[in-house]
Amino acid sequence: MVRSIGGTLGFIACCVMTSLAHAQPAAEEPAATTTTAAPAPAKPSEAPLPSCLDRTLRDELGADLKPRGVQIRDFKKDGKVALTFHGGLFGGDLTSSSWVAGGALTVFPTEDFGIGGEFNLTPLELDLDEPLEMFFGDNRFEPGMAYIALGNLYWSPIHAKLKIGDSIIHSDLMIFAGGGRMFHDSIQGVAANAGFALDMFVTRVFTFRFDVRNLMTIAEVAGETRYTNNIIATAGFSFWIPVGL
């Protein structure tokens, strides 16, 4: 009897709890919010900065960094004349190596193009002349001073900046080519040359110049006549004179 009453009470309690659960209204779901996606940037450069970038740090970096890239030249060649004095080494193809010295006068009607003439001298000698003379019994080569007169066209396609110590020195890399004569008994016909030069602008009126060239001639040395390639490397300085071209 007790078990029957207990089972009946348990059944009634279960029914009451079930009816209460069904009678409780369902929790209202939050209304769906309508959001409009931001349009994608048309160009990568228009994309916003990442949100993780701290604006304060970005402003500090922007204040410290200096802009890089193409900058205005601090020296202008157009309308000026360069008077150059130089000296260096003459490496002969058939003859012995020796010194070379001379000067040049170059006019720059524009910043990138120039025209000039130069005059150099170098002693032409042959180290094998004495053994050849002893072998053949006569003098096969007459040593002497050679004079080189050339006219060149200059083109300056590259402007560079060199860091020397704590200072920045502006410079121009020039390509030049031209022709003329090399006056010596062993040289035949005209001569041609081509090479490159580096101008380092120390001040507005004074520069250092380094150049390397190939001087091409037809030479007759010790009974042999052939086309020769002679290397000339010089270093010197230039004075710039404004002429108002």
C-alpha atoms as a PDB file:
ATOM      1  CA  MET A   1       0.000   0.000   0.000  1.00  0.00           C
ATOM      2  CA  VAL A   2       2.808   2.396   0.879  1.00  0.00           C
ATOM      3  CA  ARG A   3       4.626   1.488  -2.306  1.00  0.00           C
ATOM      4  CA  SER A   4       1.495   2.180  -4.340  1.00  0.00           C
ATOM      5  CA  ILE A   5       1.024   5.628  -2.769  1.00  0.00           C
ATOM      6  CA  GLY A   6       4.748   6.478  -3.324  1.00  0.00           C
ATOM      7  CA  GLY A   7       4.606   5.449  -6.981  1.00  0.00           C
ATOM      8  CA  THR A   8       1.468   7.501  -7.497  1.00  0.00           C
ATOM      9  CA  LEU A   9       3.051  10.629  -5.957  1.00  0.00           C
ATOM     10  CA  GLY A  10       6.194  10.195  -8.120  1.00  0.00           C
ATOM     11  CA  PHE A  11       4.102   9.898 -11.268  1.00  0.00           C
ATOM     12  CA  ILE A  12       2.119  13.054 -10.379  1.00  0.00           C
ATOM     13  CA  ALA A  13       5.347  15.056  -9.707  1.00  0.00           C
ATOM     14  CA  CYS A  14       6.801  14.024 -13.053  1.00  0.00           C
ATOM     15  CA  CYS A  15       3.674  15.104 -14.904  1.00  0.00           C
ATOM     16  CA  VAL A  16       3.665  18.510 -13.148  1.00  0.00           C
ATOM     17  CA  MET A  17       7.284  19.200 -14.062  1.00  0.00           C
ATOM     18  CA  THR A  18       6.709  18.206 -17.682  1.00  0.00           C
ATOM     19  CA  SER A  19       3.663  20.516 -18.001  1.00  0.00           C
ATOM     20  CA  LEU A  20       5.619  23.438 -16.491  1.00  0.00           C
ATOM     21  CA  ALA A  21       8.416  22.937 -18.954  1.00  0.00           C
ATOM     22  CA  HIS A  22       6.021  23.051 -21.902  1.00  0.00           C
ATOM     23  CA  ALA A  23       4.156  26.047 -20.486  1.00  0.00           C
ATOM     24  CA  GLN A  24       7.372  28.238 -20.134  1.00  0.00           C
ATOM     25  CA  PRO A  25       7.781  30.488 -23.232  1.00  0.00           C
ATOM     26  CA  ALA A  26      10.879  29.982 -25.290  1.00  0.00           C
ATOM     27  CA  ALA A  27      13.637  32.526 -24.790  1.00  0.00           C
ATOM     28  CA  GLU A  28      13.556  35.165 -27.433  1.00  0.00           C
ATOM     29  CA  GLU A  29      16.474  35.020 -29.813  1.00  0.00           C
ATOM     30  CA  PRO A  30      18.262  38.277 -30.398  1.00  0.00           C
ATOM     31  CA  ALA A  31      17.148  39.973 -33.517  1.00  0.00           C
ATOM     32  CA  ALA A  32      19.565  39.540 -36.375  1.00  0.00           C
ATOM     33  CA  THR A  33      21.345  42.745 -37.060  1.00  0.00           C
ATOM     34  CA  THR A  34      21.886  43.780 -40.618  1.00  0.00           C
ATOM     35  CA  THR A  35      25.451  44.867 -41.317  1.00  0.00           C
ATOM     36  CA  THR A  36      26.814  46.322 -44.482  1.00  0.00           C
ATOM     37  CA  ALA A  37      30.278  45.076 -45.462  1.00  0.00           C
ATOM     38  CA  ALA A  38      32.787  47.783 -46.198  1.00  0.00           C
ATOM     39  CA  PRO A  39      33.631  47.922 -49.907  1.00  0.00           C
ATOM     40  CA  ALA A  40      36.972  46.434 -50.847  1.00  0.00           C
ATOM     41  CA  PRO A  41      39.608  49.019 -51.702  1.00  0.00           C
ATOM     42  CA  ALA A  42      40.034  49.596 -55.420  1.00  0.00           C
ATOM     43  CA  LYS A  43      43.854  49.689 -55.151  1.00  0.00           C
ATOM     44  CA  PRO A  44      46.257  48.067 -52.660  1.00  0.00           C
ATOM     45  CA  SER A  45      47.622  51.511 -51.820  1.00  0.00           C
ATOM     46  CA  GLU A  46      44.123  52.618 -50.685  1.00  0.00           C
ATOM     47  CA  ALA A  47      43.808  49.786 -48.163  1.00  0.00           C
ATOM     48  CA  PRO A  48      43.607  50.990 -44.528  1.00  0.00           C
ATOM     49  CA  LEU A  49      46.543  50.470 -42.217  1.00  0.00           C
ATOM     50  CA  PRO A  50      46.388  47.349 -40.034  1.00  0.00           C
ATOM     51  CA  SER A  51      44.452  47.992 -36.852  1.00  0.00           C
ATOM     52  CA  CYS A  52      47.239  46.420 -34.801  1.00  0.00           C
ATOM     53  CA  LEU A  53      49.650  49.227 -35.719  1.00  0.00           C
ATOM     54  CA  ASP A  54      49.979  51.676 -32.888  1.00  0.00           C
ATOM     55  CA  ARG A  55      49.407  55.218 -34.191  1.00  0.00           C
ATOM     56  CA  THR A  56      51.800  56.750 -31.700  1.00  0.00           C
ATOM     57  CA  LEU A  57      54.624  54.440 -32.764  1.00  0.00           C
ATOM     58  CA  ARG A  58      53.810  55.093 -36.406  1.00  0.00           C
ATOM     59  CA  ASP A  59      53.994  58.856 -35.934  1.00  0.00           C
ATOM     60  CA  GLU A  60      57.338  58.605 -34.138  1.00  0.00           C
ATOM     61  CA  LEU A  61      58.821  56.488 -36.909  1.00  0.00           C
ATOM     62  CA  GLY A  62      57.487  58.850 -39.546  1.00  0.00           C
ATOM     63  CA  ALA A  63      59.138  61.811 -37.820  1.00  0.00           C
ATOM     64  CA  ASP A  64      62.529  60.072 -37.606  1.00  0.00           C
ATOM     65  CA  LEU A  65      62.707  58.518 -41.066  1.00  0.00           C
ATOM     66  CA  LYS A  66      64.099  60.649 -43.884  1.00  0.00           C
ATOM     67  CA  PRO A  67      62.730  60.359 -47.427  1.00  0.00           C
ATOM     68  CA  ARG A  68      64.947  58.523 -49.873  1.00  0.00           C
ATOM     69  CA  GLY A  69      65.095  58.416 -53.655  1.00  0.00           C
ATOM     70  CA  VAL A  70      65.932  60.933 -56.341  1.00  0.00           C
ATOM     71  CA  GLN A  71      67.150  64.230 -54.944  1.00  0.00           C
ATOM     72  CA  ILE A  72      68.192  67.509 -56.527  1.00  0.00           C
ATOM     73  CA  ARG A  73      71.815  67.715 -57.658  1.00  0.00           C
ATOM     74  CA  ASP A  74      73.914  70.186 -55.749  1.00  0.00           C
ATOM     75  CA  PHE A  75      76.142  70.863 -58.779  1.00  0.00           C
ATOM     76  CA  LYS A  76      75.091  71.734 -62.326  1.00  0.00           C
ATOM     77  CA  LYS A  77      77.420  71.152 -65.288  1.00  0.00           C
ATOM     78  CA  ASP A  78      75.333  72.762 -68.019  1.00  0.00           C
ATOM     79  CA  GLY A  79      76.722  76.054 -69.280  1.00  0.00           C
ATOM     80  CA  LYS A  80      80.176  75.386 -67.779  1.00  0.00           C
ATOM     81  CA  VAL A  81      83.658  74.540 -69.057  1.00  0.00           C
ATOM     82  CA  ALA A  82      85.873  72.013 -67.254  1.00  0.00           C
ATOM     83  CA  LEU A  83      89.646  72.554 -67.399  1.00  0.00           C
ATOM     84  CA  THR A  84      91.276  69.251 -66.401  1.00  0.00           C
ATOM     85  CA  PHE A  85      94.866  68.291 -65.581  1.00  0.00           C
ATOM     86  CA  HIS A  86      95.666  64.609 -65.156  1.00  0.00           C
ATOM     87  CA  GLY A  87      98.408  61.996 -65.099  1.00  0.00           C
ATOM     88  CA  GLY A  88      98.659  58.245 -64.854  1.00  0.00           C
ATOM     89  CA  LEU A  89      99.749  55.049 -66.551  1.00  0.00           C
ATOM     90  CA  PHE A  90     100.059  54.147 -70.241  1.00  0.00           C
ATOM     91  CA  GLY A  91      99.944  50.389 -70.859  1.00  0.00           C
ATOM     92  CA  GLY A  92     101.202  49.770 -74.387  1.00  0.00           C
ATOM     93  CA  ASP A  93     100.086  46.770 -76.405  1.00  0.00           C
ATOM     94  CA  LEU A  94     103.372  46.364 -78.294  1.00  0.00           C
ATOM     95  CA  THR A  95     105.469  48.845 -76.345  1.00  0.00           C
ATOM     96  CA  SER A  96     106.474  48.996 -72.697  1.00  0.00           C
ATOM     97  CA  SER A  97     104.312  50.547 -69.991  1.00  0.00           C
ATOM     98  CA  SER A  98     105.134  54.126 -69.065  1.00  0.00           C
ATOM     99  CA  TRP A  99     103.701  57.302 -67.560  1.00  0.00           C
ATOM    100  CA  VAL A 100     101.244  59.614 -69.308  1.00  0.00           C
ATOM    101  CA  ALA A 101     100.303  63.210 -68.516  1.00  0.00           C
ATOM    102  CA  GLY A 102      98.236  65.952 -70.091  1.00  0.00           C
ATOM    103  CA  GLY A 103      95.090  67.998 -69.892  1.00  0.00           C
ATOM    104  CA  ALA A 104      91.616  68.422 -71.343  1.00  0.00           C
ATOM    105  CA  LEU A 105      89.068  71.150 -71.982  1.00  0.00           C
ATOM    106  CA  THR A 106      85.417  70.056 -71.957  1.00  0.00           C
ATOM    107  CA  VAL A 107      82.318  72.150 -72.664  1.00  0.00           C
ATOM    108  CA  PHE A 108      78.905  71.038 -71.342  1.00  0.00           C
ATOM    109  CA  PRO A 109      76.048  72.763 -73.212  1.00  0.00           C
ATOM    110  CA  THR A 110      73.586  70.539 -71.290  1.00  0.00           C
ATOM    111  CA  GLU A 111      73.698  68.619 -68.022  1.00  0.00           C
ATOM    112  CA  ASP A 112      74.168  65.227 -69.709  1.00  0.00           C
ATOM    113  CA  PHE A 113      76.180  65.949 -72.875  1.00  0.00           C
ATOM    114  CA  GLY A 114      79.580  67.514 -73.437  1.00  0.00           C
ATOM    115  CA  ILE A 115      82.243  67.920 -76.090  1.00  0.00           C
ATOM    116  CA  GLY A 116      85.935  68.370 -75.466  1.00  0.00           C
ATOM    117  CA  GLY A 117      89.485  68.033 -76.615  1.00  0.00           C
ATOM    118  CA  GLU A 118      92.592  66.829 -74.826  1.00  0.00           C
ATOM    119  CA  PHE A 119      96.320  66.578 -75.294  1.00  0.00           C
ATOM    120  CA  ASN A 120      98.607  63.999 -73.663  1.00  0.00           C
ATOM    121  CA  LEU A 121     102.215  62.900 -73.944  1.00  0.00           C
ATOM    122  CA  THR A 122     103.911  59.640 -73.057  1.00  0.00           C
ATOM    123  CA  PRO A 123     107.335  58.155 -73.810  1.00  0.00           C
ATOM    124  CA  LEU A 124     107.203  55.141 -76.134  1.00  0.00           C
ATOM    125  CA  GLU A 125     109.906  52.643 -75.338  1.00  0.00           C
ATOM    126  CA  LEU A 126     110.525  48.972 -75.992  1.00  0.00           C
ATOM    127  CA  ASP A 127     112.261  46.975 -73.265  1.00  0.00           C
ATOM    128  CA  LEU A 128     113.174  44.270 -75.792  1.00  0.00           C
ATOM    129  CA  ASP A 129     114.858  46.761 -78.121  1.00  0.00           C
ATOM    130  CA  GLU A 130     118.363  46.208 -76.752  1.00  0.00           C
ATOM    131  CA  PRO A 131     118.285  42.361 -77.034  1.00  0.00           C
ATOM    132  CA  LEU A 132     116.788  42.666 -80.536  1.00  0.00           C
ATOM    133  CA  GLU A 133     119.453  45.143 -81.554  1.00  0.00           C
ATOM    134  CA  MET A 134     122.184  42.798 -80.318  1.00  0.00           C
ATOM    135  CA  PHE A 135     120.612  39.855 -82.164  1.00  0.00           C
ATOM    136  CA  PHE A 136     119.870  41.542 -85.508  1.00  0.00           C
ATOM    137  CA  GLY A 137     122.747  44.000 -85.415  1.00  0.00           C
ATOM    138  CA  ASP A 138     120.577  47.053 -86.104  1.00  0.00           C
ATOM    139  CA  ASN A 139     118.086  49.235 -84.260  1.00  0.00           C
ATOM    140  CA  ARG A 140     114.559  47.830 -84.650  1.00  0.00           C
ATOM    141  CA  PHE A 141     112.707  50.537 -82.670  1.00  0.00           C
ATOM    142  CA  GLU A 142     113.400  54.207 -82.177  1.00  0.00           C
ATOM    143  CA  PRO A 143     112.201  55.268 -78.703  1.00  0.00           C
ATOM    144  CA  GLY A 144     110.875  58.766 -78.223  1.00  0.00           C
ATOM    145  CA  MET A 145     108.097  60.967 -76.914  1.00  0.00           C
ATOM    146  CA  ALA A 146     104.622  60.339 -78.311  1.00  0.00           C
ATOM    147  CA  TYR A 147     101.964  63.058 -78.423  1.00  0.00           C
ATOM    148  CA  ILE A 148      98.263  62.179 -78.288  1.00  0.00           C
ATOM    149  CA  ALA A 149      95.638  64.673 -79.523  1.00  0.00           C
ATOM    150  CA  LEU A 150      92.011  63.564 -79.182  1.00  0.00           C
ATOM    151  CA  GLY A 151      88.490  64.956 -79.444  1.00  0.00           C
ATOM    152  CA  ASN A 152      85.708  63.288 -77.450  1.00  0.00           C
ATOM    153  CA  LEU A 153      81.964  63.327 -76.918  1.00  0.00           C
ATOM    154  CA  TYR A 154      80.799  62.867 -73.308  1.00  0.00           C
ATOM    155  CA  TRP A 155      77.536  61.428 -72.019  1.00  0.00           C
ATOM    156  CA  SER A 156      76.651  61.443 -68.306  1.00  0.00           C
ATOM    157  CA  PRO A 157      73.797  58.947 -67.743  1.00  0.00           C
ATOM    158  CA  ILE A 158      74.369  58.252 -64.020  1.00  0.00           C
ATOM    159  CA  HIS A 159      74.450  60.631 -61.052  1.00  0.00           C
ATOM    160  CA  ALA A 160      75.666  58.972 -57.857  1.00  0.00           C
ATOM    161  CA  LYS A 161      76.367  59.833 -54.223  1.00  0.00           C
ATOM    162  CA  LEU A 162      79.417  58.445 -52.455  1.00  0.00           C
ATOM    163  CA  LYS A 163      79.814  58.298 -48.689  1.00  0.00           C
ATOM    164  CA  ILE A 164      83.361  59.219 -47.676  1.00  0.00           C
ATOM    165  CA  GLY A 165      83.812  59.497 -43.927  1.00  0.00           C
ATOM    166  CA  ASP A 166      80.905  61.490 -42.510  1.00  0.00           C
ATOM    167  CA  SER A 167      80.166  63.408 -45.714  1.00  0.00           C
ATOM    168  CA  ILE A 168      78.246  62.621 -48.901  1.00  0.00           C
ATOM    169  CA  ILE A 169      79.979  63.549 -52.175  1.00  0.00           C
ATOM    170  CA  HIS A 170      77.969  63.863 -55.374  1.00  0.00           C
ATOM    171  CA  SER A 171      79.493  62.409 -58.510  1.00  0.00           C
ATOM    172  CA  ASP A 172      78.769  61.760 -62.180  1.00  0.00           C
ATOM    173  CA  LEU A 173      79.685  58.655 -64.159  1.00  0.00           C
ATOM    174  CA  MET A 174      80.412  59.601 -67.770  1.00  0.00           C
ATOM    175  CA  ILE A 175      80.961  57.576 -70.935  1.00  0.00           C
ATOM    176  CA  PHE A 176      83.075  59.094 -73.685  1.00  0.00           C
ATOM    177  CA  ALA A 177      84.418  58.191 -77.130  1.00  0.00           C
ATOM    178  CA  GLY A 178      86.236  59.974 -79.929  1.00  0.00           C
ATOM    179  CA  GLY A 179      89.246  60.016 -82.198  1.00  0.00           C
ATOM    180  CA  GLY A 180      92.391  61.867 -83.176  1.00  0.00           C
ATOM    181  CA  ARG A 181      96.074  61.150 -83.758  1.00  0.00           C
ATOM    182  CA  MET A 182      99.002  59.687 -81.862  1.00  0.00           C
ATOM    183  CA  PHE A 183     102.160  61.329 -83.173  1.00  0.00           C
ATOM    184  CA  HIS A 184     105.133  58.940 -83.272  1.00  0.00           C
ATOM    185  CA  ASP A 185     107.148  57.272 -86.024  1.00  0.00           C
ATOM    186  CA  SER A 186     105.807  53.854 -85.064  1.00  0.00           C
ATOM    187  CA  ILE A 187     102.115  54.888 -85.233  1.00  0.00           C
ATOM    188  CA  GLN A 188     100.209  54.829 -88.533  1.00  0.00           C
ATOM    189  CA  GLY A 189      96.947  56.548 -89.380  1.00  0.00           C
ATOM    190  CA  VAL A 190      94.338  57.868 -86.988  1.00  0.00           C
ATOM    191  CA  ALA A 191      93.651  56.790 -83.419  1.00  0.00           C
ATOM    192  CA  ALA A 192      90.382  56.171 -81.592  1.00  0.00           C
ATOM    193  CA  ASN A 193      89.544  55.907 -77.920  1.00  0.00           C
ATOM    194  CA  ALA A 194      86.600  54.980 -75.699  1.00  0.00           C
ATOM    195  CA  GLY A 195      86.197  54.733 -71.951  1.00  0.00           C
ATOM    196  CA  PHE A 196      84.483  56.070 -68.845  1.00  0.00           C
ATOM    197  CA  ALA A 197      85.222  58.767 -66.276  1.00  0.00           C
ATOM    198  CA  LEU A 198      84.088  59.501 -62.722  1.00  0.00           C
ATOM    199  CA  ASP A 199      83.752  63.126 -61.575  1.00  0.00           C
ATOM    200  CA  MET A 200      83.589  63.718 -57.813  1.00  0.00           C
ATOM    201  CA  PHE A 201      82.230  67.191 -56.981  1.00  0.00           C
ATOM    202  CA  VAL A 202      84.193  68.323 -53.936  1.00  0.00           C
ATOM    203  CA  THR A 203      83.211  71.989 -54.255  1.00  0.00           C
ATOM    204  CA  ARG A 204      81.255  74.052 -56.760  1.00  0.00           C
ATOM    205  CA  VAL A 205      84.414  74.938 -58.723  1.00  0.00           C
ATOM    206  CA  PHE A 206      86.741  71.998 -58.032  1.00  0.00           C
ATOM    207  CA  THR A 207      86.313  68.270 -58.772  1.00  0.00           C
ATOM    208  CA  PHE A 208      88.386  65.112 -58.887  1.00  0.00           C
ATOM    209  CA  ARG A 209      88.309  63.039 -62.067  1.00  0.00           C
ATOM    210  CA  PHE A 210      89.295  59.408 -62.638  1.00  0.00           C
ATOM    211  CA  ASP A 211      89.139  57.877 -66.114  1.00  0.00           C
ATOM    212  CA  VAL A 212      90.068  54.650 -67.893  1.00  0.00           C
ATOM    213  CA  ARG A 213      90.128  54.273 -71.669  1.00  0.00           C
ATOM    214  CA  ASN A 214      91.239  52.064 -74.530  1.00  0.00           C
ATOM    215  CA  LEU A 215      93.383  53.868 -77.111  1.00  0.00           C
ATOM    216  CA  MET A 216      93.238  52.020 -80.438  1.00  0.00           C
ATOM    217  CA  THR A 217      96.011  52.567 -83.008  1.00  0.00           C
ATOM    218  CA  ILE A 218      97.880  50.807 -85.807  1.00  0.00           C
ATOM    219  CA  ALA A 219     101.494  50.447 -84.740  1.00  0.00           C
ATOM    220  CA  GLU A 220     104.662  49.084 -86.335  1.00  0.00           C
ATOM    221  CA  VAL A 221     107.102  47.825 -83.718  1.00  0.00           C
ATOM    222  CA  ALA A 222     110.127  45.553 -84.288  1.00  0.00           C
ATOM    223  CA  GLY A 223     109.070  44.703 -87.826  1.00  0.00           C
ATOM    224  CA  GLU A 224     105.496  43.825 -86.789  1.00  0.00           C
ATOM    225  CA  THR A 225     102.513  45.937 -87.851  1.00  0.00           C
ATOM    226  CA  ARG A 226      99.175  45.341 -86.214  1.00  0.00           C
ATOM    227  CA  TYR A 227      96.074  46.887 -84.644  1.00  0.00           C
ATOM    228  CA  THR A 228      96.795  47.641 -80.973  1.00  0.00           C
ATOM    229  CA  ASN A 229      94.748  48.252 -77.842  1.00  0.00           C
ATOM    230  CA  ASN A 230      96.556  50.494 -75.357  1.00  0.00           C
ATOM    231  CA  ILE A 231      95.106  51.066 -71.875  1.00  0.00           C
ATOM    232  CA  ILE A 232      95.340  54.539 -70.311  1.00  0.00           C
ATOM    233  CA  ALA A 233      94.330  55.143 -66.682  1.00  0.00           C
ATOM    234  CA  THR A 234      94.606  58.649 -65.221  1.00  0.00           C
ATOM    235  CA  ALA A 235      93.593  60.670 -62.165  1.00  0.00           C
ATOM    236  CA  GLY A 236      93.417  64.430 -61.933  1.00  0.00           C
ATOM    237  CA  PHE A 237      91.406  67.486 -60.976  1.00  0.00           C
ATOM    238  CA  SER A 238      89.134  69.891 -62.843  1.00  0.00           C
ATOM    239  CA  PHE A 239      88.261  73.560 -62.491  1.00  0.00           C
ATOM    240  CA  TRP A 240      84.740  74.523 -63.601  1.00  0.00           C
ATOM    241  CA  ILE A 241      84.331  77.868 -65.311  1.00  0.00           C
ATOM    242  CA  PRO A 242      80.798  79.220 -66.016  1.00  0.00           C
ATOM    243  CA  VAL A 243      80.501  80.559 -69.557  1.00  0.00           C
ATOM    244  CA  GLY A 244      76.727  81.088 -69.744  1.00  0.00           C
ATOM    245  CA  LEU A 245      75.962  78.806 -72.691  1.00  0.00           C
END
